[in-house]
Amino acid sequence: MSFFMMEDTTKKRSNYRVDGSFNGSDRLETHGVSVPFLLTNRQRNVNGSSSKMRRRRSHIFRCPHSHWMVVIAISILIIVTMTRYFLFFPHEKWLDEEEVTLSELRNARDLLLQAKRQTLAPLRHVDKEKFTVRINTWHRDAQLVAAVDHYLTCPNVAQIQIVWCDQSNDPPEHLLYGINNSKVIVERHDVNSLNERFRILPLTREVMPTLGILSVDDDVLRSCEAIDAGFYRWTDHPDRIVGFDFRVHLISNNRKIQRLDTNPIWTYGYLSSALKSNQYSMTLPRYCFIHRDYLDLYTKYAPRRLIQTVQKVFNCEDISMSLFVSALTNGQVPLLADFWATTPSMIKLDSKQSISENQNHKQIRDDCVDKFGFLLGLKDGYSALEKVEKWGVLESKTIRHHPHSLFGIGQEANLFPDLLRDDFVESRKNYAKLLSQWNNLNQNKIAKERFPFESAKISLYRRLLTLGLIAS
């Protein structure tokens, strides 16, 4: 009996010669392997040749060697991939199985209601003049030292806090003994988690001079003047995050009807997606201004799923904080610094050590955006529960209102940051004057810089290049 029987042999006689012998050029493609058609018993007996019969039967074993090698290689690849999937990436299983439950959703809503009842401390005069830099770092000592040295040159920096979560190693000696500066504090944590960047230890809090925090990673730098663009905008809106990195949540056409969240699935949109659509809804705490009290509220009132997920997958803390503050501000998106101070002013330091990225980075962040958005009521305002008054959902907003504008982007954009106001502190007045001078030169087409304070970025870039911290 042959392995592959022809459905209608009368219609496919052309596959065989007139004398009934097999035409070796006619083969069947099966799973990428070419296998000859086998003859029916009737066709075998046409010429009655037993020798031909044996030759025809042997075709099943004449599959080229390379085909079998391909099959073996694919099998090995599948085994290795599945082994790595289950052994080395246990969070993958979590991504697929642990959906949000009704009780979990209710607990998240109750925690956020408690957080909403809290009042942010009002800004003092010092909070409009100075800010605190809080650096998250991990095994990038050279980058950390360069970052600290840079921030010490910025006149509006009141204090630099280093979040140190590495229990196995000490901070660089340069930071402990090489600088004689009371501005620098090394905050040693006993837990290695990205949540720790938002947990201010009691001893640090006692000596913390400002309510405004510039939350940064150690491998991203901007000039002092670009930082000030975000700082002064934040002092006008201390209840909002003011960011330098804009991202967007994308809403797909797919739904999972079998789960509690029957809304369209949300995914994470990178910078390219935000620029292409000219829309944003999130910012990254790798470079943003945020009120100190939001860090305390996050540590105390953020839904447990958010905290546990960040701890488990070592990722998504930036998504978590951005969406958390949006939930506390009735679904409002973060605010943004002037466009020239965002992407054009950023300097990314070269580093082989990444804190959170791996080959599943996008999939993890997709899942975080989708589940966090639902838990925080940003997808549908907790429609699965009893209604909550004035619970805003998150909607993306326009980034650049004018295609070539270097100022005033995002929600509640300030299109004229160079205009002086009576309530400005002295340093902000000087900053506005410098912006006004550049703007006048630019309008007269005699400005030597493409954007304000570009020379400051170039100077910083050259210094970092000399240190070998930028890939040439």
Protein backbone atom coordinates (compact mmCIF):
# COMPACT_ATOMS: atom_id res chain seq x y z
CA MET A 1 0.00 0.00 0.00
CA SER A 2 1.50 3.37 -0.96
CA PHE A 3 1.89 6.26 1.47
CA PHE A 4 0.38 8.88 -0.82
CA MET A 5 -2.66 7.70 -2.79
CA MET A 6 -3.84 9.73 -5.75
CA GLU A 7 -7.45 10.86 -5.42
CA ASP A 8 -8.26 10.30 -9.11
CA THR A 9 -5.70 8.24 -10.96
CA THR A 10 -7.57 8.52 -14.25
CA LYS A 11 -7.09 12.29 -14.30
CA LYS A 12 -3.43 12.17 -13.33
CA ARG A 13 -2.05 9.61 -15.79
CA SER A 14 0.25 12.33 -17.05
CA ASN A 15 2.42 11.77 -13.99
CA TYR A 16 3.51 8.46 -15.50
CA ARG A 17 4.96 7.37 -18.81
CA VAL A 18 2.84 5.57 -21.38
CA ASP A 19 4.51 2.29 -20.47
CA GLY A 20 3.44 2.77 -16.84
CA SER A 21 6.91 3.52 -15.47
CA PHE A 22 7.38 6.32 -12.92
CA ASN A 23 8.34 9.78 -14.12
CA GLY A 24 11.01 10.75 -11.59
CA SER A 25 10.52 14.48 -12.17
CA ASP A 26 7.06 14.38 -10.60
CA ARG A 27 7.40 14.77 -6.85
CA LEU A 28 5.20 15.81 -3.95
CA GLU A 29 6.31 18.64 -1.61
CA THR A 30 5.50 17.65 1.99
CA HIS A 31 6.57 19.88 4.92
CA GLY A 32 9.39 21.31 2.87
CA VAL A 33 10.69 17.83 1.86
CA SER A 34 10.28 16.57 -1.69
CA VAL A 35 8.83 13.04 -1.77
CA PRO A 36 7.93 11.11 -4.98
CA PHE A 37 4.38 9.95 -5.67
CA LEU A 38 4.11 6.21 -5.10
CA LEU A 39 2.28 4.13 -7.62
CA THR A 40 -0.93 2.22 -7.06
CA ASN A 41 -0.84 -1.56 -7.34
CA ARG A 42 -2.67 -1.40 -10.67
CA GLN A 43 -0.02 0.90 -12.15
CA ARG A 44 2.80 -1.27 -10.81
CA ASN A 45 1.54 -4.27 -12.77
CA VAL A 46 1.42 -2.53 -16.15
CA ASN A 47 4.79 -3.87 -17.31
CA GLY A 48 5.11 -6.70 -14.77
CA SER A 49 8.73 -5.89 -14.07
CA SER A 50 9.76 -6.77 -10.51
CA SER A 51 13.03 -4.93 -10.91
CA LYS A 52 11.19 -1.77 -11.83
CA MET A 53 8.89 -2.38 -8.89
CA ARG A 54 11.85 -2.41 -6.50
CA ARG A 55 13.28 0.72 -8.05
CA ARG A 56 9.98 2.53 -7.67
CA ARG A 57 9.60 1.51 -4.05
CA SER A 58 13.08 2.72 -3.28
CA HIS A 59 12.14 6.28 -4.23
CA ILE A 60 10.81 6.82 -0.72
CA PHE A 61 14.37 6.49 0.61
CA ARG A 62 15.98 8.72 -2.02
CA CYS A 63 15.25 12.05 -0.28
CA PRO A 64 18.37 14.21 -0.65
CA HIS A 65 20.66 14.32 2.37
CA SER A 66 20.32 18.10 2.73
CA HIS A 67 16.58 17.80 3.26
CA TRP A 68 17.03 15.52 6.23
CA MET A 69 19.66 17.89 7.62
CA VAL A 70 17.18 20.76 7.37
CA VAL A 71 14.55 18.74 9.22
CA ILE A 72 17.02 17.83 11.96
CA ALA A 73 18.24 21.44 12.29
CA ILE A 74 14.70 22.79 12.57
CA SER A 75 13.85 20.17 15.20
CA ILE A 76 16.89 21.08 17.27
CA LEU A 77 16.05 24.80 16.97
CA ILE A 78 12.50 24.20 18.19
CA ILE A 79 13.73 22.17 21.17
CA VAL A 80 16.32 24.78 22.15
CA THR A 81 13.84 27.65 21.76
CA MET A 82 11.16 25.98 23.86
CA THR A 83 13.70 25.02 26.54
CA ARG A 84 14.97 28.60 26.75
CA TYR A 85 11.39 29.89 26.73
CA PHE A 86 10.36 27.96 29.82
CA LEU A 87 13.64 27.84 31.76
CA PHE A 88 15.14 31.28 31.27
CA PHE A 89 12.07 33.46 30.72
CA PRO A 90 9.51 32.41 33.32
CA HIS A 91 7.74 35.77 32.97
CA GLU A 92 6.56 34.66 29.52
CA LYS A 93 4.20 32.25 31.21
CA TRP A 94 2.95 35.06 33.43
CA LEU A 95 2.32 37.24 30.38
CA ASP A 96 -0.07 34.68 28.93
CA GLU A 97 -1.89 33.36 31.97
CA GLU A 98 -2.34 35.89 34.78
CA GLU A 99 -5.19 38.14 33.75
CA VAL A 100 -6.65 40.83 36.00
CA THR A 101 -9.40 39.57 38.31
CA LEU A 102 -12.46 41.46 39.52
CA SER A 103 -11.23 41.64 43.12
CA GLU A 104 -7.82 42.84 41.95
CA LEU A 105 -9.45 45.56 39.87
CA ARG A 106 -11.58 46.69 42.80
CA ASN A 107 -8.56 46.80 45.13
CA ALA A 108 -6.64 48.87 42.56
CA ARG A 109 -9.51 51.33 42.29
CA ASP A 110 -9.76 51.66 46.07
CA LEU A 111 -6.02 52.32 46.41
CA LEU A 112 -6.17 55.05 43.77
CA LEU A 113 -9.13 56.68 45.49
CA GLN A 114 -7.04 56.88 48.66
CA ALA A 115 -4.12 58.36 46.74
CA LYS A 116 -6.39 60.95 45.12
CA ARG A 117 -7.41 62.22 48.54
CA GLN A 118 -3.80 63.15 49.32
CA THR A 119 -2.61 66.69 48.67
CA LEU A 120 0.72 67.54 47.09
CA ALA A 121 2.90 69.88 49.10
CA PRO A 122 2.83 73.41 47.62
CA LEU A 123 6.01 74.77 46.05
CA ARG A 124 8.20 77.07 48.08
CA HIS A 125 10.51 79.73 46.73
CA VAL A 126 13.47 77.33 46.72
CA ASP A 127 11.44 74.82 44.69
CA LYS A 128 11.13 77.36 41.89
CA GLU A 129 14.87 77.98 41.87
CA LYS A 130 16.42 74.56 42.48
CA PHE A 131 15.74 70.87 41.93
CA THR A 132 17.10 67.49 43.01
CA VAL A 133 18.61 65.03 40.54
CA ARG A 134 17.81 61.40 41.31
CA ILE A 135 19.95 58.97 39.27
CA ASN A 136 19.09 55.32 38.73
CA THR A 137 22.19 53.26 37.96
CA TRP A 138 23.30 49.65 37.47
CA HIS A 139 26.82 48.45 36.64
CA ARG A 140 27.70 51.53 34.61
CA ASP A 141 30.26 53.22 36.81
CA ALA A 142 31.96 55.30 34.13
CA GLN A 143 28.64 56.65 32.91
CA LEU A 144 27.50 57.35 36.47
CA VAL A 145 30.66 59.29 37.34
CA ALA A 146 30.38 61.35 34.15
CA ALA A 147 26.71 62.08 34.86
CA VAL A 148 27.39 63.21 38.42
CA ASP A 149 30.28 65.42 37.31
CA HIS A 150 28.01 67.01 34.69
CA TYR A 151 25.10 67.70 37.02
CA LEU A 152 27.45 69.32 39.51
CA THR A 153 28.08 72.00 36.87
CA CYS A 154 24.39 72.90 36.58
CA PRO A 155 23.63 75.95 38.77
CA ASN A 156 20.02 74.95 39.51
CA VAL A 157 20.92 71.52 40.94
CA ALA A 158 20.50 71.53 44.72
CA GLN A 159 21.30 67.86 45.37
CA ILE A 160 22.25 64.67 43.52
CA GLN A 161 20.88 61.37 44.81
CA ILE A 162 22.33 58.10 43.53
CA VAL A 163 19.98 55.13 43.88
CA TRP A 164 22.40 52.27 44.55
CA CYS A 165 20.79 48.80 44.54
CA ASP A 166 23.90 46.67 43.98
CA GLN A 167 24.56 44.83 47.24
CA SER A 168 27.56 42.99 45.78
CA ASN A 169 29.60 46.05 44.81
CA ASP A 170 30.41 49.45 46.23
CA PRO A 171 29.84 52.71 44.37
CA PRO A 172 32.82 54.14 42.46
CA GLU A 173 35.49 55.49 44.78
CA HIS A 174 35.38 58.80 42.93
CA LEU A 175 31.86 59.37 44.24
CA LEU A 176 32.72 58.28 47.76
CA TYR A 177 36.10 59.94 48.21
CA GLY A 178 37.10 61.70 45.00
CA ILE A 179 34.71 64.63 45.20
CA ASN A 180 34.38 66.98 48.13
CA ASN A 181 30.80 67.98 47.60
CA SER A 182 27.95 67.78 50.06
CA LYS A 183 25.46 67.83 47.20
CA VAL A 184 26.04 64.14 46.38
CA ILE A 185 24.24 61.43 48.35
CA VAL A 186 24.63 57.71 47.72
CA GLU A 187 21.36 56.08 48.75
CA ARG A 188 22.02 52.37 49.41
CA HIS A 189 19.01 50.10 48.96
CA ASP A 190 18.72 46.53 50.19
CA VAL A 191 16.41 45.47 47.35
CA ASN A 192 17.44 45.26 43.71
CA SER A 193 14.33 46.48 41.93
CA LEU A 194 13.47 49.26 39.51
CA ASN A 195 10.75 50.26 41.96
CA GLU A 196 13.51 51.48 44.26
CA ARG A 197 14.15 54.51 42.08
CA PHE A 198 10.81 55.80 43.38
CA ARG A 199 11.36 54.85 47.04
CA ILE A 200 13.04 57.67 48.93
CA LEU A 201 14.73 56.34 52.04
CA PRO A 202 13.99 58.15 55.35
CA LEU A 203 17.54 59.44 55.83
CA THR A 204 17.54 60.90 52.32
CA ARG A 205 14.15 62.48 52.81
CA GLU A 206 15.34 64.30 55.93
CA VAL A 207 18.01 66.19 53.99
CA MET A 208 16.15 66.51 50.67
CA PRO A 209 16.18 70.23 49.83
CA THR A 210 13.50 70.43 47.10
CA LEU A 211 10.10 69.07 46.08
CA GLY A 212 11.07 68.95 42.41
CA ILE A 213 12.94 65.85 41.28
CA LEU A 214 14.69 65.28 37.98
CA SER A 215 14.42 61.51 37.61
CA VAL A 216 17.13 60.24 35.25
CA ASP A 217 19.04 57.18 34.10
CA ASP A 218 22.81 57.25 34.24
CA ASP A 219 23.31 56.80 30.48
CA VAL A 220 21.31 59.79 29.22
CA LEU A 221 22.49 63.40 29.48
CA ARG A 222 21.35 66.85 28.39
CA SER A 223 22.88 70.27 28.76
CA CYS A 224 22.02 72.27 31.87
CA GLU A 225 20.08 74.73 29.73
CA ALA A 226 17.95 71.97 28.17
CA ILE A 227 17.20 70.63 31.64
CA ASP A 228 16.07 74.08 32.73
CA ALA A 229 13.51 74.11 29.90
CA GLY A 230 11.75 71.19 31.57
CA PHE A 231 12.29 72.49 35.09
CA TYR A 232 10.67 75.88 34.57
CA ARG A 233 7.74 74.27 32.80
CA TRP A 234 7.31 71.93 35.75
CA THR A 235 7.28 74.80 38.25
CA ASP A 236 4.19 76.10 36.42
CA HIS A 237 2.51 72.66 36.66
CA PRO A 238 3.88 70.83 39.72
CA ASP A 239 0.95 68.40 39.76
CA ARG A 240 2.01 66.95 36.40
CA ILE A 241 5.01 65.05 35.14
CA VAL A 242 7.07 67.08 32.68
CA GLY A 243 9.03 64.78 30.42
CA PHE A 244 11.69 64.88 27.71
CA ASP A 245 10.87 61.49 26.15
CA PHE A 246 7.42 61.05 24.62
CA ARG A 247 5.84 57.68 23.89
CA VAL A 248 2.34 56.60 22.92
CA HIS A 249 -0.01 53.73 23.68
CA LEU A 250 -1.43 52.12 20.56
CA ILE A 251 -4.97 50.73 20.45
CA SER A 252 -5.34 47.59 18.36
CA ASN A 253 -8.46 46.17 16.76
CA ASN A 254 -8.10 42.96 18.75
CA ARG A 255 -9.93 42.06 21.93
CA LYS A 256 -9.86 39.15 24.37
CA ILE A 257 -13.50 38.45 25.07
CA GLN A 258 -12.75 35.68 27.55
CA ARG A 259 -11.08 38.02 30.04
CA LEU A 260 -12.45 40.71 32.37
CA ASP A 261 -10.90 43.45 30.23
CA THR A 262 -12.91 43.27 27.01
CA ASN A 263 -11.58 46.61 25.74
CA PRO A 264 -9.33 46.73 22.67
CA ILE A 265 -5.80 45.60 23.48
CA TRP A 266 -3.25 48.35 24.15
CA THR A 267 0.35 48.05 23.00
CA TYR A 268 3.48 50.12 23.58
CA GLY A 269 4.50 52.61 20.91
CA TYR A 270 8.16 53.55 20.61
CA LEU A 271 9.49 57.00 19.73
CA SER A 272 9.10 56.19 16.03
CA SER A 273 5.38 55.49 16.51
CA ALA A 274 4.89 58.71 18.44
CA LEU A 275 6.70 60.80 15.81
CA LYS A 276 4.91 59.11 12.92
CA SER A 277 1.47 59.74 14.41
CA ASN A 278 2.46 63.03 16.09
CA GLN A 279 0.68 61.69 19.17
CA TYR A 280 1.84 60.88 22.70
CA SER A 281 0.32 59.70 25.95
CA MET A 282 3.28 58.77 28.16
CA THR A 283 6.72 59.96 29.14
CA LEU A 284 9.69 58.07 30.54
CA PRO A 285 11.06 58.70 34.05
CA ARG A 286 14.52 58.09 32.65
CA TYR A 287 14.39 61.88 32.13
CA CYS A 288 11.50 63.80 33.63
CA PHE A 289 10.54 66.25 36.36
CA ILE A 290 8.16 64.96 38.99
CA HIS A 291 6.89 66.11 42.39
CA ARG A 292 8.53 64.33 45.31
CA ASP A 293 5.13 63.37 46.76
CA TYR A 294 4.26 61.32 43.69
CA LEU A 295 7.16 59.01 44.50
CA ASP A 296 5.75 58.51 47.99
CA LEU A 297 2.23 57.96 46.65
CA TYR A 298 3.48 55.40 44.15
CA THR A 299 5.33 53.45 46.84
CA LYS A 300 2.29 53.45 49.13
CA TYR A 301 -0.74 53.33 46.83
CA ALA A 302 0.25 51.88 43.45
CA PRO A 303 -1.74 48.69 42.77
CA ARG A 304 0.19 45.61 43.83
CA ARG A 305 0.19 44.22 40.29
CA LEU A 306 2.22 47.22 39.13
CA ILE A 307 4.81 46.86 41.89
CA GLN A 308 5.06 43.08 41.54
CA THR A 309 5.31 43.16 37.75
CA VAL A 310 8.17 45.68 37.78
CA GLN A 311 9.94 43.53 40.35
CA LYS A 312 9.33 40.33 38.40
CA VAL A 313 10.23 41.33 34.86
CA PHE A 314 12.75 44.08 35.75
CA ASN A 315 11.03 46.43 33.34
CA CYS A 316 8.07 48.80 32.96
CA GLU A 317 8.67 51.06 35.96
CA ASP A 318 8.59 54.05 33.60
CA ILE A 319 5.26 52.98 32.12
CA SER A 320 3.94 52.31 35.61
CA MET A 321 4.79 55.76 36.99
CA SER A 322 3.63 57.66 33.91
CA LEU A 323 0.24 55.92 33.88
CA PHE A 324 -0.06 56.16 37.68
CA VAL A 325 0.22 59.95 37.64
CA SER A 326 -2.19 60.14 34.69
CA ALA A 327 -4.70 58.12 36.70
CA LEU A 328 -4.36 60.53 39.64
CA THR A 329 -4.89 63.54 37.35
CA ASN A 330 -8.12 62.31 35.73
CA GLY A 331 -6.51 60.75 32.69
CA GLN A 332 -4.35 63.72 31.67
CA VAL A 333 -1.21 62.98 29.71
CA PRO A 334 2.17 64.22 30.99
CA LEU A 335 3.44 67.60 29.86
CA LEU A 336 6.54 68.02 27.72
CA ALA A 337 9.57 70.28 27.72
CA ASP A 338 10.19 72.43 24.64
CA PHE A 339 10.87 70.33 21.55
CA TRP A 340 14.47 71.54 21.17
CA ALA A 341 15.18 70.28 24.70
CA THR A 342 13.77 66.79 24.05
CA THR A 343 15.17 64.59 21.28
CA PRO A 344 17.50 67.20 19.66
CA SER A 345 19.31 67.83 22.96
CA MET A 346 19.65 64.24 24.15
CA ILE A 347 23.07 62.59 24.41
CA LYS A 348 23.01 58.81 24.81
CA LEU A 349 26.11 57.36 26.42
CA ASP A 350 27.59 54.21 25.00
CA SER A 351 27.16 51.19 27.26
CA LYS A 352 27.05 47.42 26.84
CA GLN A 353 25.19 47.03 30.13
CA SER A 354 21.42 47.46 29.87
CA ILE A 355 19.21 47.59 32.94
CA SER A 356 16.00 46.19 31.54
CA GLU A 357 16.24 45.38 27.85
CA ASN A 358 16.24 41.84 26.47
CA GLN A 359 14.93 40.06 23.40
CA ASN A 360 11.38 40.12 24.82
CA HIS A 361 11.48 43.82 25.68
CA LYS A 362 8.64 44.85 23.34
CA GLN A 363 6.35 41.99 24.33
CA ILE A 364 6.81 42.74 28.02
CA ARG A 365 6.07 46.43 27.56
CA ASP A 366 3.02 45.68 25.43
CA ASP A 367 1.61 43.59 28.24
CA CYS A 368 2.46 46.23 30.85
CA VAL A 369 0.69 49.01 28.95
CA ASP A 370 -2.39 46.85 28.42
CA LYS A 371 -2.76 45.53 31.98
CA PHE A 372 -1.61 48.69 33.79
CA GLY A 373 -3.97 50.84 31.74
CA PHE A 374 -6.89 48.61 32.72
CA LEU A 375 -5.92 48.36 36.40
CA LEU A 376 -5.59 52.14 36.67
CA GLY A 377 -8.98 52.78 35.07
CA LEU A 378 -7.41 54.53 32.09
CA LYS A 379 -8.97 52.26 29.47
CA ASP A 380 -12.64 52.49 30.43
CA GLY A 381 -12.92 54.31 33.77
CA TYR A 382 -13.54 51.06 35.69
CA SER A 383 -16.69 50.24 33.75
CA ALA A 384 -16.50 46.67 35.09
CA LEU A 385 -17.10 48.06 38.60
CA GLU A 386 -19.62 50.43 40.04
CA LYS A 387 -19.13 53.86 38.52
CA VAL A 388 -16.60 56.30 39.91
CA GLU A 389 -17.30 59.98 39.36
CA LYS A 390 -14.87 61.99 37.24
CA TRP A 391 -12.57 59.11 36.42
CA GLY A 392 -10.79 60.11 33.25
CA VAL A 393 -9.60 57.76 30.54
CA LEU A 394 -6.26 58.21 28.78
CA GLU A 395 -6.34 59.68 25.29
CA SER A 396 -3.26 60.55 23.25
CA LYS A 397 -2.53 64.19 22.46
CA THR A 398 -0.73 66.11 19.73
CA ILE A 399 3.05 66.48 20.09
CA ARG A 400 3.98 69.28 17.68
CA HIS A 401 1.23 71.79 16.92
CA HIS A 402 3.41 73.44 14.28
CA PRO A 403 5.68 71.20 12.15
CA HIS A 404 8.84 73.28 12.55
CA SER A 405 8.32 74.80 15.99
CA LEU A 406 11.08 74.26 18.54
CA PHE A 407 8.90 75.40 21.42
CA GLY A 408 5.51 74.63 22.91
CA ILE A 409 4.75 70.95 22.30
CA GLY A 410 2.29 68.58 23.92
CA GLN A 411 -0.76 69.32 25.98
CA GLU A 412 -1.15 72.85 27.40
CA ALA A 413 1.79 73.93 25.28
CA ASN A 414 3.61 77.13 26.15
CA LEU A 415 4.34 78.60 22.73
CA PHE A 416 6.26 81.60 24.11
CA PRO A 417 8.60 80.44 26.90
CA ASP A 418 10.77 83.52 26.37
CA LEU A 419 8.07 85.93 27.57
CA LEU A 420 8.86 87.39 30.98
CA ARG A 421 6.45 87.21 33.90
CA ASP A 422 6.55 89.12 37.15
CA ASP A 423 6.46 85.94 39.23
CA PHE A 424 9.63 84.52 37.64
CA VAL A 425 12.59 83.90 39.93
CA GLU A 426 15.78 85.66 38.89
CA SER A 427 17.36 82.63 37.21
CA ARG A 428 14.25 82.10 35.09
CA LYS A 429 14.24 85.72 33.99
CA ASN A 430 17.83 85.34 32.78
CA TYR A 431 16.91 82.11 31.02
CA ALA A 432 13.94 83.75 29.24
CA LYS A 433 16.15 86.61 28.08
CA LEU A 434 18.67 84.21 26.52
CA LEU A 435 15.84 82.38 24.75
CA SER A 436 14.49 85.69 23.46
CA GLN A 437 17.90 86.69 22.09
CA TRP A 438 18.30 83.41 20.24
CA ASN A 439 14.75 83.60 18.90
CA ASN A 440 15.39 87.07 17.47
CA LEU A 441 18.60 85.92 15.83
CA ASN A 442 16.84 82.89 14.39
CA GLN A 443 14.02 84.97 12.94
CA ASN A 444 16.59 87.23 11.31
CA LYS A 445 18.36 84.13 9.95
CA ILE A 446 21.66 85.02 11.56
CA ALA A 447 21.57 82.48 14.40
CA LYS A 448 24.61 80.20 14.38
CA GLU A 449 22.76 77.44 16.24
CA ARG A 450 19.98 75.20 14.92
CA PHE A 451 18.31 75.30 18.32
CA PRO A 452 18.87 77.24 21.56
CA PHE A 453 22.02 76.43 23.51
CA GLU A 454 23.24 73.96 20.86
CA SER A 455 26.81 75.01 21.62
CA ALA A 456 26.31 73.78 25.21
CA LYS A 457 25.29 70.36 23.88
CA ILE A 458 28.27 70.25 21.53
CA SER A 459 30.65 71.12 24.37
CA LEU A 460 29.16 68.37 26.56
CA TYR A 461 29.28 65.91 23.68
CA ARG A 462 32.97 66.56 23.01
CA ARG A 463 33.82 66.12 26.67
CA LEU A 464 32.02 62.76 26.79
CA LEU A 465 33.64 61.70 23.53
CA THR A 466 37.08 62.42 25.02
CA LEU A 467 36.15 60.20 27.97
CA GLY A 468 35.29 57.37 25.60
CA LEU A 469 31.65 57.31 26.67
CA ILE A 470 30.22 57.93 23.21
CA ALA A 471 30.60 55.53 20.33
CA SER A 472 32.63 57.25 17.61
